[in-house]
Protein backbone atom coordinates (compact mmCIF):
# COMPACT_ATOMS: atom_id res chain seq x y z
CA MET A 1 0.00 0.00 0.00
CA SER A 2 1.22 3.52 -0.69
CA ASP A 3 0.74 6.62 1.43
CA LEU A 4 -2.82 7.10 2.63
CA ASN A 5 -4.57 10.43 2.08
CA VAL A 6 -7.42 11.02 4.51
CA LYS A 7 -9.32 14.26 4.94
CA GLY A 8 -6.46 16.38 3.60
CA MET A 9 -3.75 14.62 5.62
CA LYS A 10 -1.09 12.37 4.10
CA LEU A 11 -0.13 9.41 6.29
CA ALA A 12 2.90 7.26 5.57
CA ASP A 13 2.48 3.61 4.69
CA GLY A 14 1.56 1.61 7.78
CA VAL A 15 0.72 4.43 10.20
CA VAL A 16 -3.03 3.78 10.40
CA GLU A 17 -2.47 0.02 10.34
CA THR A 18 -0.06 0.24 13.29
CA ILE A 19 -2.47 2.36 15.35
CA VAL A 20 -5.33 -0.04 14.63
CA SER A 21 -3.25 -3.14 15.35
CA ILE A 22 -2.14 -1.85 18.76
CA ALA A 23 -5.71 -0.86 19.68
CA VAL A 24 -7.11 -4.25 18.68
CA LYS A 25 -4.49 -6.22 20.62
CA ASP A 26 -5.72 -4.51 23.81
CA VAL A 27 -9.28 -5.85 23.36
CA GLU A 28 -10.08 -8.64 25.80
CA GLY A 29 -10.50 -11.96 24.00
CA VAL A 30 -8.31 -11.11 21.00
CA ALA A 31 -5.53 -13.67 20.64
CA ALA A 32 -3.81 -12.20 17.57
CA VAL A 33 -4.20 -9.68 14.81
CA GLY A 34 -3.74 -11.43 11.48
CA THR A 35 -3.67 -15.12 10.76
CA SER A 36 -0.45 -15.98 12.55
CA ALA A 37 1.09 -14.13 15.44
CA PRO A 38 4.84 -14.00 15.95
CA SER A 39 5.92 -16.17 18.81
CA GLY A 40 8.85 -16.96 21.01
CA LEU A 41 12.06 -15.03 20.84
CA LEU A 42 11.10 -13.08 17.72
CA SER A 43 8.13 -11.38 19.38
CA ALA A 44 10.24 -10.32 22.37
CA PHE A 45 12.54 -8.29 20.12
CA GLN A 46 9.99 -6.96 17.66
CA GLN A 47 9.60 -3.21 18.06
CA LYS A 48 6.95 -2.55 15.44
CA ALA A 49 3.41 -3.87 15.74
CA ASP A 50 2.46 -6.62 13.31
CA THR A 51 -0.01 -5.08 10.88
CA SER A 52 -0.52 -8.06 8.56
CA GLY A 53 -4.15 -8.43 9.65
CA VAL A 54 -5.13 -4.79 9.09
CA VAL A 55 -6.01 -3.13 5.81
CA ALA A 56 -6.79 0.60 5.66
CA THR A 57 -8.13 2.15 2.48
CA SER A 58 -9.39 5.59 1.58
CA GLU A 59 -11.61 6.39 -1.37
CA ASP A 60 -11.15 9.88 -2.82
CA GLY A 61 -9.30 10.93 0.34
CA ASN A 62 -12.54 11.24 2.28
CA ASP A 63 -13.80 7.85 3.43
CA LEU A 64 -11.59 5.68 5.64
CA HIS A 65 -12.34 1.95 5.58
CA ILE A 66 -10.68 -0.51 7.95
CA ALA A 67 -10.67 -4.31 7.64
CA ILE A 68 -9.28 -6.33 10.55
CA HIS A 69 -8.55 -10.07 10.65
CA VAL A 70 -8.20 -11.57 14.12
CA ASP A 71 -7.94 -14.82 16.01
CA VAL A 72 -9.89 -14.88 19.28
CA TYR A 73 -9.84 -17.03 22.37
CA TYR A 74 -12.50 -19.70 22.73
CA GLY A 75 -15.21 -18.89 25.26
CA TYR A 76 -15.71 -15.22 24.45
CA LYS A 77 -18.89 -13.95 22.80
CA LEU A 78 -17.93 -13.22 19.21
CA PRO A 79 -20.42 -10.36 18.61
CA LYS A 80 -19.14 -8.63 21.77
CA ILE A 81 -15.51 -8.97 20.69
CA ALA A 82 -16.36 -7.55 17.26
CA GLN A 83 -18.16 -4.60 18.86
CA ASP A 84 -15.29 -4.01 21.31
CA ILE A 85 -12.83 -4.04 18.39
CA ARG A 86 -14.92 -1.48 16.47
CA GLU A 87 -15.07 0.79 19.52
CA ALA A 88 -11.33 0.48 20.22
CA VAL A 89 -10.46 1.27 16.61
CA ALA A 90 -12.84 4.24 16.45
CA ASP A 91 -11.42 5.66 19.69
CA ALA A 92 -7.79 5.17 18.63
CA LEU A 93 -8.30 6.78 15.23
CA GLU A 94 -10.26 9.70 16.67
CA THR A 95 -7.66 10.31 19.39
CA GLN A 96 -4.46 9.82 17.44
CA VAL A 97 -5.32 10.76 13.86
CA GLY A 98 -8.37 12.97 14.36
CA VAL A 99 -10.50 11.08 11.84
CA LYS A 100 -13.47 8.75 12.02
CA ALA A 101 -13.51 5.46 10.16
CA ASP A 102 -16.48 5.20 7.85
CA SER A 103 -16.46 1.42 8.24
CA VAL A 104 -14.66 -1.09 10.45
CA ASP A 105 -15.09 -4.66 9.23
CA VAL A 106 -14.04 -7.40 11.64
CA TYR A 107 -13.17 -10.87 10.33
CA ILE A 108 -12.76 -13.60 12.93
CA ASP A 109 -10.46 -16.03 11.17
CA GLY A 110 -9.76 -18.50 13.95
CA LEU A 111 -10.17 -19.63 17.53
CA ARG A 112 -7.41 -20.30 20.02
CA PHE A 113 -8.03 -22.61 22.93
CA ASN A 114 -5.08 -21.74 25.17
CA GLN A 115 -4.62 -18.34 26.70
CA GLU A 116 -0.97 -17.64 27.36
């Protein structure tokens, strides 16, 4: 993806995705953003958030659309997790970027049975 232009502001590649990824990881019940989370020693030294499960697009520089792929822990109510993710993303974008997402689509790609 190239730079993202939203509401007259140019954001470098990955900025919105990083903000969204960090916000989603803080939602209770979310095991990982994306289809496979880094594990072991690699994750301990990783300084940048993994944004592979987040796609941000803007049409005509006005509408911001977010798609998020997550794995969740078994036992949580899926509609509640999806709603909590939407709220966390909306709050993070409003606070840090000053824009509202026109849509936040949540895709639950998998279940994890062990909480670490």
